[in-house]
Amino acid sequence: MATEMINKVVADVKCYFCGHVSGQIVGKRHEPLRVTNFVPRPGYTGPEVKQGTRLRCERCQGPVFLEDATGAMQTRPAGGRKTEARGKSAERRGSRAA
């Protein structure tokens, strides 16, 4: 599963005019990012994105660009490991109390 995460790229779709982030484009590393890989933000109200259409800002219909393109491994929350560690600490505390 970790190998799959390393091979993905995530980039924010941001407006040149107003700076609004309409969503993200998620793709595979070493492959072109396509408009059909657009993942709208929660609450997205813009037009449905289809193959052959231009991606525009949902707020002002301005042109957009890709920002903060990173590997998906870097965007994974670091809290996942800490939660597991906290669970083990809680188990230890519980066994001490018993």
PDB file of N, CA and C in Angstrom:
ATOM      1  N   MET A   1       0.824  -1.196   0.000  1.00  0.00           N
ATOM      2  CA  MET A   1       0.000   0.000   0.000  1.00  0.00           C
ATOM      3  C   MET A   1       0.865   1.256   0.000  1.00  0.00           C
ATOM      4  N   ALA A   2       1.971   1.258   0.708  1.00  0.00           N
ATOM      5  CA  ALA A   2       2.849   2.421   0.737  1.00  0.00           C
ATOM      6  C   ALA A   2       3.420   2.708  -0.645  1.00  0.00           C
ATOM      7  N   THR A   3       3.693   1.669  -1.429  1.00  0.00           N
ATOM      8  CA  THR A   3       4.224   1.857  -2.776  1.00  0.00           C
ATOM      9  C   THR A   3       3.220   2.609  -3.636  1.00  0.00           C
ATOM     10  N   GLU A   4       1.942   2.299  -3.509  1.00  0.00           N
ATOM     11  CA  GLU A   4       0.901   2.971  -4.269  1.00  0.00           C
ATOM     12  C   GLU A   4       0.839   4.451  -3.900  1.00  0.00           C
ATOM     13  N   MET A   5       1.009   4.776  -2.650  1.00  0.00           N
ATOM     14  CA  MET A   5       0.941   6.165  -2.216  1.00  0.00           C
ATOM     15  C   MET A   5       2.120   6.969  -2.735  1.00  0.00           C
ATOM     16  N   ILE A   6       3.296   6.381  -2.813  1.00  0.00           N
ATOM     17  CA  ILE A   6       4.482   7.085  -3.291  1.00  0.00           C
ATOM     18  C   ILE A   6       4.313   7.454  -4.766  1.00  0.00           C
ATOM     19  N   ASN A   7       3.609   6.651  -5.532  1.00  0.00           N
ATOM     20  CA  ASN A   7       3.472   6.872  -6.966  1.00  0.00           C
ATOM     21  C   ASN A   7       2.388   7.870  -7.337  1.00  0.00           C
ATOM     22  N   LYS A   8       1.733   8.486  -6.380  1.00  0.00           N
ATOM     23  CA  LYS A   8       0.682   9.451  -6.686  1.00  0.00           C
ATOM     24  C   LYS A   8       1.170  10.882  -6.470  1.00  0.00           C
ATOM     25  N   VAL A   9       0.599  11.793  -7.258  1.00  0.00           N
ATOM     26  CA  VAL A   9       0.901  13.215  -7.156  1.00  0.00           C
ATOM     27  C   VAL A   9      -0.418  13.948  -6.937  1.00  0.00           C
ATOM     28  N   VAL A  10      -0.417  14.904  -6.005  1.00  0.00           N
ATOM     29  CA  VAL A  10      -1.612  15.698  -5.713  1.00  0.00           C
ATOM     30  C   VAL A  10      -1.255  17.172  -5.886  1.00  0.00           C
ATOM     31  N   ALA A  11      -2.084  17.913  -6.634  1.00  0.00           N
ATOM     32  CA  ALA A  11      -1.843  19.345  -6.855  1.00  0.00           C
ATOM     33  C   ALA A  11      -3.149  20.119  -6.657  1.00  0.00           C
ATOM     34  N   ASP A  12      -3.073  21.253  -5.963  1.00  0.00           N
ATOM     35  CA  ASP A  12      -4.239  22.124  -5.782  1.00  0.00           C
ATOM     36  C   ASP A  12      -4.542  22.862  -7.078  1.00  0.00           C
ATOM     37  N   VAL A  13      -5.832  23.016  -7.396  1.00  0.00           N
ATOM     38  CA  VAL A  13      -6.278  23.786  -8.560  1.00  0.00           C
ATOM     39  C   VAL A  13      -6.675  25.165  -8.034  1.00  0.00           C
ATOM     40  N   LYS A  14      -5.841  26.173  -8.325  1.00  0.00           N
ATOM     41  CA  LYS A  14      -6.006  27.507  -7.738  1.00  0.00           C
ATOM     42  C   LYS A  14      -6.226  28.546  -8.831  1.00  0.00           C
ATOM     43  N   CYS A  15      -7.069  29.542  -8.539  1.00  0.00           N
ATOM     44  CA  CYS A  15      -7.416  30.586  -9.495  1.00  0.00           C
ATOM     45  C   CYS A  15      -6.342  31.673  -9.553  1.00  0.00           C
ATOM     46  N   TYR A  16      -6.006  32.103 -10.780  1.00  0.00           N
ATOM     47  CA  TYR A  16      -5.070  33.219 -10.960  1.00  0.00           C
ATOM     48  C   TYR A  16      -5.672  34.532 -10.480  1.00  0.00           C
ATOM     49  N   PHE A  17      -6.983  34.705 -10.662  1.00  0.00           N
ATOM     50  CA  PHE A  17      -7.621  35.994 -10.366  1.00  0.00           C
ATOM     51  C   PHE A  17      -7.941  36.171  -8.885  1.00  0.00           C
ATOM     52  N   CYS A  18      -8.657  35.213  -8.291  1.00  0.00           N
ATOM     53  CA  CYS A  18      -9.134  35.406  -6.918  1.00  0.00           C
ATOM     54  C   CYS A  18      -8.433  34.522  -5.886  1.00  0.00           C
ATOM     55  N   GLY A  19      -7.612  33.569  -6.316  1.00  0.00           N
ATOM     56  CA  GLY A  19      -6.867  32.729  -5.381  1.00  0.00           C
ATOM     57  C   GLY A  19      -7.669  31.588  -4.780  1.00  0.00           C
ATOM     58  N   HIS A  20      -8.903  31.397  -5.217  1.00  0.00           N
ATOM     59  CA  HIS A  20      -9.760  30.330  -4.685  1.00  0.00           C
ATOM     60  C   HIS A  20      -9.256  28.952  -5.133  1.00  0.00           C
ATOM     61  N   VAL A  21      -9.279  27.977  -4.222  1.00  0.00           N
ATOM     62  CA  VAL A  21      -8.905  26.603  -4.552  1.00  0.00           C
ATOM     63  C   VAL A  21     -10.187  25.818  -4.806  1.00  0.00           C
ATOM     64  N   SER A  22     -10.396  25.408  -6.047  1.00  0.00           N
ATOM     65  CA  SER A  22     -11.614  24.692  -6.434  1.00  0.00           C
ATOM     66  C   SER A  22     -11.551  23.205  -6.121  1.00  0.00           C
ATOM     67  N   GLY A  23     -10.360  22.669  -5.985  1.00  0.00           N
ATOM     68  CA  GLY A  23     -10.202  21.243  -5.711  1.00  0.00           C
ATOM     69  C   GLY A  23      -8.766  20.824  -5.950  1.00  0.00           C
ATOM     70  N   GLN A  24      -8.592  19.565  -6.291  1.00  0.00           N
ATOM     71  CA  GLN A  24      -7.260  19.019  -6.538  1.00  0.00           C
ATOM     72  C   GLN A  24      -7.279  18.139  -7.777  1.00  0.00           C
ATOM     73  N   ILE A  25      -6.114  17.986  -8.368  1.00  0.00           N
ATOM     74  CA  ILE A  25      -5.936  16.995  -9.429  1.00  0.00           C
ATOM     75  C   ILE A  25      -4.999  15.943  -8.861  1.00  0.00           C
ATOM     76  N   VAL A  26      -5.432  14.699  -8.962  1.00  0.00           N
ATOM     77  CA  VAL A  26      -4.666  13.578  -8.438  1.00  0.00           C
ATOM     78  C   VAL A  26      -4.273  12.701  -9.623  1.00  0.00           C
ATOM     79  N   GLY A  27      -2.995  12.394  -9.730  1.00  0.00           N
ATOM     80  CA  GLY A  27      -2.524  11.564 -10.834  1.00  0.00           C
ATOM     81  C   GLY A  27      -1.375  10.682 -10.409  1.00  0.00           C
ATOM     82  N   LYS A  28      -0.881   9.934 -11.363  1.00  0.00           N
ATOM     83  CA  LYS A  28       0.255   9.052 -11.104  1.00  0.00           C
ATOM     84  C   LYS A  28       1.543   9.756 -11.490  1.00  0.00           C
ATOM     85  N   ARG A  29       2.571   9.515 -10.703  1.00  0.00           N
ATOM     86  CA  ARG A  29       3.884  10.084 -10.978  1.00  0.00           C
ATOM     87  C   ARG A  29       4.376   9.584 -12.331  1.00  0.00           C
ATOM     88  N   HIS A  30       5.049  10.423 -13.080  1.00  0.00           N
ATOM     89  CA  HIS A  30       5.617  10.139 -14.398  1.00  0.00           C
ATOM     90  C   HIS A  30       4.550   9.976 -15.476  1.00  0.00           C
ATOM     91  N   GLU A  31       3.316  10.430 -15.209  1.00  0.00           N
ATOM     92  CA  GLU A  31       2.259  10.438 -16.214  1.00  0.00           C
ATOM     93  C   GLU A  31       1.657  11.840 -16.242  1.00  0.00           C
ATOM     94  N   PRO A  32       1.109  12.263 -17.385  1.00  0.00           N
ATOM     95  CA  PRO A  32       0.509  13.602 -17.454  1.00  0.00           C
ATOM     96  C   PRO A  32      -0.691  13.724 -16.510  1.00  0.00           C
ATOM     97  N   LEU A  33      -0.832  14.891 -15.884  1.00  0.00           N
ATOM     98  CA  LEU A  33      -2.010  15.163 -15.072  1.00  0.00           C
ATOM     99  C   LEU A  33      -3.130  15.578 -16.020  1.00  0.00           C
ATOM    100  N   ARG A  34      -4.298  14.996 -15.852  1.00  0.00           N
ATOM    101  CA  ARG A  34      -5.412  15.248 -16.766  1.00  0.00           C
ATOM    102  C   ARG A  34      -6.569  15.906 -16.024  1.00  0.00           C
ATOM    103  N   VAL A  35      -7.345  16.689 -16.764  1.00  0.00           N
ATOM    104  CA  VAL A  35      -8.494  17.380 -16.176  1.00  0.00           C
ATOM    105  C   VAL A  35      -9.518  16.364 -15.662  1.00  0.00           C
ATOM    106  N   THR A  36      -9.557  15.180 -16.237  1.00  0.00           N
ATOM    107  CA  THR A  36     -10.506  14.156 -15.794  1.00  0.00           C
ATOM    108  C   THR A  36     -10.138  13.593 -14.421  1.00  0.00           C
ATOM    109  N   ASN A  37      -8.940  13.897 -13.927  1.00  0.00           N
ATOM    110  CA  ASN A  37      -8.515  13.452 -12.594  1.00  0.00           C
ATOM    111  C   ASN A  37      -8.841  14.511 -11.535  1.00  0.00           C
ATOM    112  N   PHE A  38      -9.660  15.488 -11.874  1.00  0.00           N
ATOM    113  CA  PHE A  38     -10.023  16.563 -10.950  1.00  0.00           C
ATOM    114  C   PHE A  38     -10.913  16.024  -9.836  1.00  0.00           C
ATOM    115  N   VAL A  39     -10.547  16.354  -8.595  1.00  0.00           N
ATOM    116  CA  VAL A  39     -11.343  15.994  -7.419  1.00  0.00           C
ATOM    117  C   VAL A  39     -11.816  17.312  -6.803  1.00  0.00           C
ATOM    118  N   PRO A  40     -13.124  17.620  -6.923  1.00  0.00           N
ATOM    119  CA  PRO A  40     -13.609  18.897  -6.396  1.00  0.00           C
ATOM    120  C   PRO A  40     -13.533  18.963  -4.877  1.00  0.00           C
ATOM    121  N   ARG A  41     -13.405  20.167  -4.352  1.00  0.00           N
ATOM    122  CA  ARG A  41     -13.385  20.364  -2.900  1.00  0.00           C
ATOM    123  C   ARG A  41     -14.775  20.070  -2.354  1.00  0.00           C
ATOM    124  N   PRO A  42     -14.896  19.798  -1.049  1.00  0.00           N
ATOM    125  CA  PRO A  42     -16.234  19.610  -0.467  1.00  0.00           C
ATOM    126  C   PRO A  42     -17.061  20.883  -0.651  1.00  0.00           C
ATOM    127  N   GLY A  43     -18.276  20.745  -1.119  1.00  0.00           N
ATOM    128  CA  GLY A  43     -19.140  21.898  -1.357  1.00  0.00           C
ATOM    129  C   GLY A  43     -18.958  22.538  -2.724  1.00  0.00           C
ATOM    130  N   TYR A  44     -18.221  21.908  -3.622  1.00  0.00           N
ATOM    131  CA  TYR A  44     -17.962  22.443  -4.959  1.00  0.00           C
ATOM    132  C   TYR A  44     -19.273  22.706  -5.688  1.00  0.00           C
ATOM    133  N   THR A  45     -19.417  23.906  -6.264  1.00  0.00           N
ATOM    134  CA  THR A  45     -20.652  24.281  -6.963  1.00  0.00           C
ATOM    135  C   THR A  45     -20.419  24.616  -8.429  1.00  0.00           C
ATOM    136  N   GLY A  46     -19.204  24.424  -8.910  1.00  0.00           N
ATOM    137  CA  GLY A  46     -18.877  24.750 -10.294  1.00  0.00           C
ATOM    138  C   GLY A  46     -19.423  23.727 -11.262  1.00  0.00           C
ATOM    139  N   PRO A  47     -19.184  23.950 -12.549  1.00  0.00           N
ATOM    140  CA  PRO A  47     -19.677  23.014 -13.562  1.00  0.00           C
ATOM    141  C   PRO A  47     -18.957  21.667 -13.476  1.00  0.00           C
ATOM    142  N   GLU A  48     -19.637  20.631 -13.932  1.00  0.00           N
ATOM    143  CA  GLU A  48     -19.026  19.302 -13.955  1.00  0.00           C
ATOM    144  C   GLU A  48     -17.859  19.316 -14.942  1.00  0.00           C
ATOM    145  N   VAL A  49     -16.757  18.745 -14.549  1.00  0.00           N
ATOM    146  CA  VAL A  49     -15.566  18.731 -15.396  1.00  0.00           C
ATOM    147  C   VAL A  49     -15.601  17.483 -16.263  1.00  0.00           C
ATOM    148  N   LYS A  50     -15.510  17.693 -17.575  1.00  0.00           N
ATOM    149  CA  LYS A  50     -15.544  16.586 -18.529  1.00  0.00           C
ATOM    150  C   LYS A  50     -14.311  16.646 -19.415  1.00  0.00           C
ATOM    151  N   GLN A  51     -14.000  15.521 -20.034  1.00  0.00           N
ATOM    152  CA  GLN A  51     -12.869  15.467 -20.956  1.00  0.00           C
ATOM    153  C   GLN A  51     -13.115  16.444 -22.102  1.00  0.00           C
ATOM    154  N   GLY A  52     -12.093  17.219 -22.435  1.00  0.00           N
ATOM    155  CA  GLY A  52     -12.199  18.184 -23.529  1.00  0.00           C
ATOM    156  C   GLY A  52     -12.638  19.574 -23.097  1.00  0.00           C
ATOM    157  N   THR A  53     -12.999  19.748 -21.817  1.00  0.00           N
ATOM    158  CA  THR A  53     -13.383  21.076 -21.330  1.00  0.00           C
ATOM    159  C   THR A  53     -12.213  21.693 -20.566  1.00  0.00           C
ATOM    160  N   ARG A  54     -12.227  23.007 -20.475  1.00  0.00           N
ATOM    161  CA  ARG A  54     -11.193  23.696 -19.712  1.00  0.00           C
ATOM    162  C   ARG A  54     -11.630  23.837 -18.265  1.00  0.00           C
ATOM    163  N   LEU A  55     -10.706  23.620 -17.386  1.00  0.00           N
ATOM    164  CA  LEU A  55     -10.982  23.760 -15.958  1.00  0.00           C
ATOM    165  C   LEU A  55     -10.895  25.237 -15.605  1.00  0.00           C
ATOM    166  N   ARG A  56     -11.944  25.773 -14.964  1.00  0.00           N
ATOM    167  CA  ARG A  56     -12.006  27.181 -14.588  1.00  0.00           C
ATOM    168  C   ARG A  56     -12.332  27.287 -13.108  1.00  0.00           C
ATOM    169  N   CYS A  57     -12.119  28.451 -12.537  1.00  0.00           N
ATOM    170  CA  CYS A  57     -12.431  28.706 -11.130  1.00  0.00           C
ATOM    171  C   CYS A  57     -13.939  28.596 -10.922  1.00  0.00           C
ATOM    172  N   GLU A  58     -14.330  27.902  -9.872  1.00  0.00           N
ATOM    173  CA  GLU A  58     -15.765  27.759  -9.602  1.00  0.00           C
ATOM    174  C   GLU A  58     -16.387  29.070  -9.129  1.00  0.00           C
ATOM    175  N   ARG A  59     -15.597  29.943  -8.538  1.00  0.00           N
ATOM    176  CA  ARG A  59     -16.112  31.198  -7.970  1.00  0.00           C
ATOM    177  C   ARG A  59     -16.243  32.298  -9.024  1.00  0.00           C
ATOM    178  N   CYS A  60     -15.152  32.579  -9.779  1.00  0.00           N
ATOM    179  CA  CYS A  60     -15.168  33.720 -10.707  1.00  0.00           C
ATOM    180  C   CYS A  60     -14.988  33.322 -12.171  1.00  0.00           C
ATOM    181  N   GLN A  61     -14.883  32.024 -12.443  1.00  0.00           N
ATOM    182  CA  GLN A  61     -14.670  31.489 -13.798  1.00  0.00           C
ATOM    183  C   GLN A  61     -13.338  31.928 -14.401  1.00  0.00           C
ATOM    184  N   GLY A  62     -12.398  32.339 -13.554  1.00  0.00           N
ATOM    185  CA  GLY A  62     -11.077  32.746 -14.016  1.00  0.00           C
ATOM    186  C   GLY A  62     -10.193  31.554 -14.353  1.00  0.00           C
ATOM    187  N   PRO A  63      -9.043  31.807 -14.964  1.00  0.00           N
ATOM    188  CA  PRO A  63      -8.114  30.734 -15.289  1.00  0.00           C
ATOM    189  C   PRO A  63      -7.476  30.163 -14.020  1.00  0.00           C
ATOM    190  N   VAL A  64      -7.106  28.905 -14.069  1.00  0.00           N
ATOM    191  CA  VAL A  64      -6.527  28.243 -12.899  1.00  0.00           C
ATOM    192  C   VAL A  64      -5.139  27.699 -13.209  1.00  0.00           C
ATOM    193  N   PHE A  65      -4.407  27.417 -12.158  1.00  0.00           N
ATOM    194  CA  PHE A  65      -3.092  26.789 -12.284  1.00  0.00           C
ATOM    195  C   PHE A  65      -2.949  25.748 -11.187  1.00  0.00           C
ATOM    196  N   LEU A  66      -1.967  24.875 -11.326  1.00  0.00           N
ATOM    197  CA  LEU A  66      -1.709  23.838 -10.329  1.00  0.00           C
ATOM    198  C   LEU A  66      -0.650  24.340  -9.373  1.00  0.00           C
ATOM    199  N   GLU A  67      -0.932  24.231  -8.074  1.00  0.00           N
ATOM    200  CA  GLU A  67      -0.013  24.705  -7.042  1.00  0.00           C
ATOM    201  C   GLU A  67       0.244  23.592  -6.038  1.00  0.00           C
ATOM    202  N   ASP A  68       1.404  23.618  -5.424  1.00  0.00           N
ATOM    203  CA  ASP A  68       1.775  22.674  -4.362  1.00  0.00           C
ATOM    204  C   ASP A  68       1.665  21.224  -4.809  1.00  0.00           C
ATOM    205  N   ALA A  69       2.186  20.900  -5.972  1.00  0.00           N
ATOM    206  CA  ALA A  69       2.183  19.511  -6.429  1.00  0.00           C
ATOM    207  C   ALA A  69       3.168  18.716  -5.572  1.00  0.00           C
ATOM    208  N   THR A  70       2.646  17.750  -4.853  1.00  0.00           N
ATOM    209  CA  THR A  70       3.466  16.936  -3.963  1.00  0.00           C
ATOM    210  C   THR A  70       3.100  15.474  -4.114  1.00  0.00           C
ATOM    211  N   GLY A  71       4.012  14.615  -3.660  1.00  0.00           N
ATOM    212  CA  GLY A  71       3.712  13.196  -3.605  1.00  0.00           C
ATOM    213  C   GLY A  71       2.679  12.944  -2.525  1.00  0.00           C
ATOM    214  N   ALA A  72       1.777  12.006  -2.752  1.00  0.00           N
ATOM    215  CA  ALA A  72       0.703  11.733  -1.793  1.00  0.00           C
ATOM    216  C   ALA A  72       1.264  11.250  -0.462  1.00  0.00           C
ATOM    217  N   MET A  73       2.438  10.651  -0.458  1.00  0.00           N
ATOM    218  CA  MET A  73       3.040  10.168   0.779  1.00  0.00           C
ATOM    219  C   MET A  73       3.307  11.334   1.719  1.00  0.00           C
ATOM    220  N   GLN A  74       3.661  12.494   1.180  1.00  0.00           N
ATOM    221  CA  GLN A  74       3.946  13.667   1.997  1.00  0.00           C
ATOM    222  C   GLN A  74       2.674  14.299   2.544  1.00  0.00           C
ATOM    223  N   THR A  75       1.532  14.077   1.893  1.00  0.00           N
ATOM    224  CA  THR A  75       0.301  14.692   2.349  1.00  0.00           C
ATOM    225  C   THR A  75      -0.469  13.816   3.339  1.00  0.00           C
ATOM    226  N   ARG A  76       0.002  12.587   3.569  1.00  0.00           N
ATOM    227  CA  ARG A  76      -0.674  11.703   4.522  1.00  0.00           C
ATOM    228  C   ARG A  76      -0.523  12.266   5.927  1.00  0.00           C
ATOM    229  N   PRO A  77      -1.593  12.292   6.709  1.00  0.00           N
ATOM    230  CA  PRO A  77      -1.494  12.848   8.066  1.00  0.00           C
ATOM    231  C   PRO A  77      -0.488  12.097   8.920  1.00  0.00           C
ATOM    232  N   ALA A  78       0.326  12.839   9.639  1.00  0.00           N
ATOM    233  CA  ALA A  78       1.321  12.221  10.515  1.00  0.00           C
ATOM    234  C   ALA A  78       0.675  11.655  11.772  1.00  0.00           C
ATOM    235  N   GLY A  79      -0.553  12.049  12.065  1.00  0.00           N
ATOM    236  CA  GLY A  79      -1.242  11.610  13.272  1.00  0.00           C
ATOM    237  C   GLY A  79      -1.561  10.129  13.293  1.00  0.00           C
ATOM    238  N   GLY A  80      -1.511   9.448  12.138  1.00  0.00           N
ATOM    239  CA  GLY A  80      -1.844   8.032  12.098  1.00  0.00           C
ATOM    240  C   GLY A  80      -0.963   7.206  13.004  1.00  0.00           C
ATOM    241  N   ARG A  81       0.316   7.457  12.988  1.00  0.00           N
ATOM    242  CA  ARG A  81       1.239   6.695  13.833  1.00  0.00           C
ATOM    243  C   ARG A  81       1.088   7.089  15.303  1.00  0.00           C
ATOM    244  N   LYS A  82       0.873   8.370  15.564  1.00  0.00           N
ATOM    245  CA  LYS A  82       0.744   8.835  16.940  1.00  0.00           C
ATOM    246  C   LYS A  82      -0.488   8.234  17.608  1.00  0.00           C
ATOM    247  N   THR A  83      -1.565   8.124  16.863  1.00  0.00           N
ATOM    248  CA  THR A  83      -2.786   7.544  17.417  1.00  0.00           C
ATOM    249  C   THR A  83      -2.525   6.110  17.863  1.00  0.00           C
ATOM    250  N   GLU A  84      -1.794   5.372  17.037  1.00  0.00           N
ATOM    251  CA  GLU A  84      -1.476   3.992  17.382  1.00  0.00           C
ATOM    252  C   GLU A  84      -0.613   3.951  18.641  1.00  0.00           C
ATOM    253  N   ALA A  85       0.347   4.848  18.737  1.00  0.00           N
ATOM    254  CA  ALA A  85       1.223   4.886  19.907  1.00  0.00           C
ATOM    255  C   ALA A  85       0.423   5.255  21.154  1.00  0.00           C
ATOM    256  N   ARG A  86      -0.520   6.189  21.022  1.00  0.00           N
ATOM    257  CA  ARG A  86      -1.341   6.564  22.163  1.00  0.00           C
ATOM    258  C   ARG A  86      -2.176   5.382  22.636  1.00  0.00           C
ATOM    259  N   GLY A  87      -2.653   4.600  21.688  1.00  0.00           N
ATOM    260  CA  GLY A  87      -3.450   3.439  22.052  1.00  0.00           C
ATOM    261  C   GLY A  87      -2.646   2.452  22.877  1.00  0.00           C
ATOM    262  N   LYS A  88      -1.387   2.248  22.514  1.00  0.00           N
ATOM    263  CA  LYS A  88      -0.529   1.336  23.263  1.00  0.00           C
ATOM    264  C   LYS A  88      -0.254   1.898  24.650  1.00  0.00           C
ATOM    265  N   SER A  89      -0.061   3.214  24.759  1.00  0.00           N
ATOM    266  CA  SER A  89       0.181   3.838  26.064  1.00  0.00           C
ATOM    267  C   SER A  89      -1.045   3.671  26.948  1.00  0.00           C
ATOM    268  N   ALA A  90      -2.221   3.833  26.367  1.00  0.00           N
ATOM    269  CA  ALA A  90      -3.444   3.686  27.136  1.00  0.00           C
ATOM    270  C   ALA A  90      -3.598   2.252  27.633  1.00  0.00           C
ATOM    271  N   GLU A  91      -3.190   1.285  26.791  1.00  0.00           N
ATOM    272  CA  GLU A  91      -3.251  -0.114  27.206  1.00  0.00           C
ATOM    273  C   GLU A  91      -2.316  -0.352  28.398  1.00  0.00           C
ATOM    274  N   ARG A  92      -1.120   0.246  28.305  1.00  0.00           N
ATOM    275  CA  ARG A  92      -0.152   0.085  29.396  1.00  0.00           C
ATOM    276  C   ARG A  92      -0.684   0.687  30.687  1.00  0.00           C
ATOM    277  N   ARG A  93      -1.282   1.881  30.578  1.00  0.00           N
ATOM    278  CA  ARG A  93      -1.837   2.531  31.765  1.00  0.00           C
ATOM    279  C   ARG A  93      -2.971   1.690  32.346  1.00  0.00           C
ATOM    280  N   GLY A  94      -3.772   1.110  31.466  1.00  0.00           N
ATOM    281  CA  GLY A  94      -4.879   0.291  31.929  1.00  0.00           C
ATOM    282  C   GLY A  94      -4.400  -0.955  32.646  1.00  0.00           C
ATOM    283  N   SER A  95      -3.288  -1.550  32.177  1.00  0.00           N
ATOM    284  CA  SER A  95      -2.782  -2.752  32.833  1.00  0.00           C
ATOM    285  C   SER A  95      -2.128  -2.411  34.172  1.00  0.00           C
ATOM    286  N   ARG A  96      -1.581  -1.193  34.279  1.00  0.00           N
ATOM    287  CA  ARG A  96      -0.996  -0.769  35.561  1.00  0.00           C
ATOM    288  C   ARG A  96      -2.095  -0.546  36.607  1.00  0.00           C
ATOM    289  N   ALA A  97      -3.205   0.006  36.169  1.00  0.00           N
ATOM    290  CA  ALA A  97      -4.291   0.328  37.077  1.00  0.00           C
ATOM    291  C   ALA A  97      -4.976  -0.947  37.588  1.00  0.00           C
ATOM    292  N   ALA A  98      -4.919  -2.011  36.790  1.00  0.00           N
ATOM    293  CA  ALA A  98      -5.610  -3.256  37.175  1.00  0.00           C
ATOM    294  C   ALA A  98      -4.880  -4.024  38.171  1.00  0.00           C
TER     295      ALA A  98
END
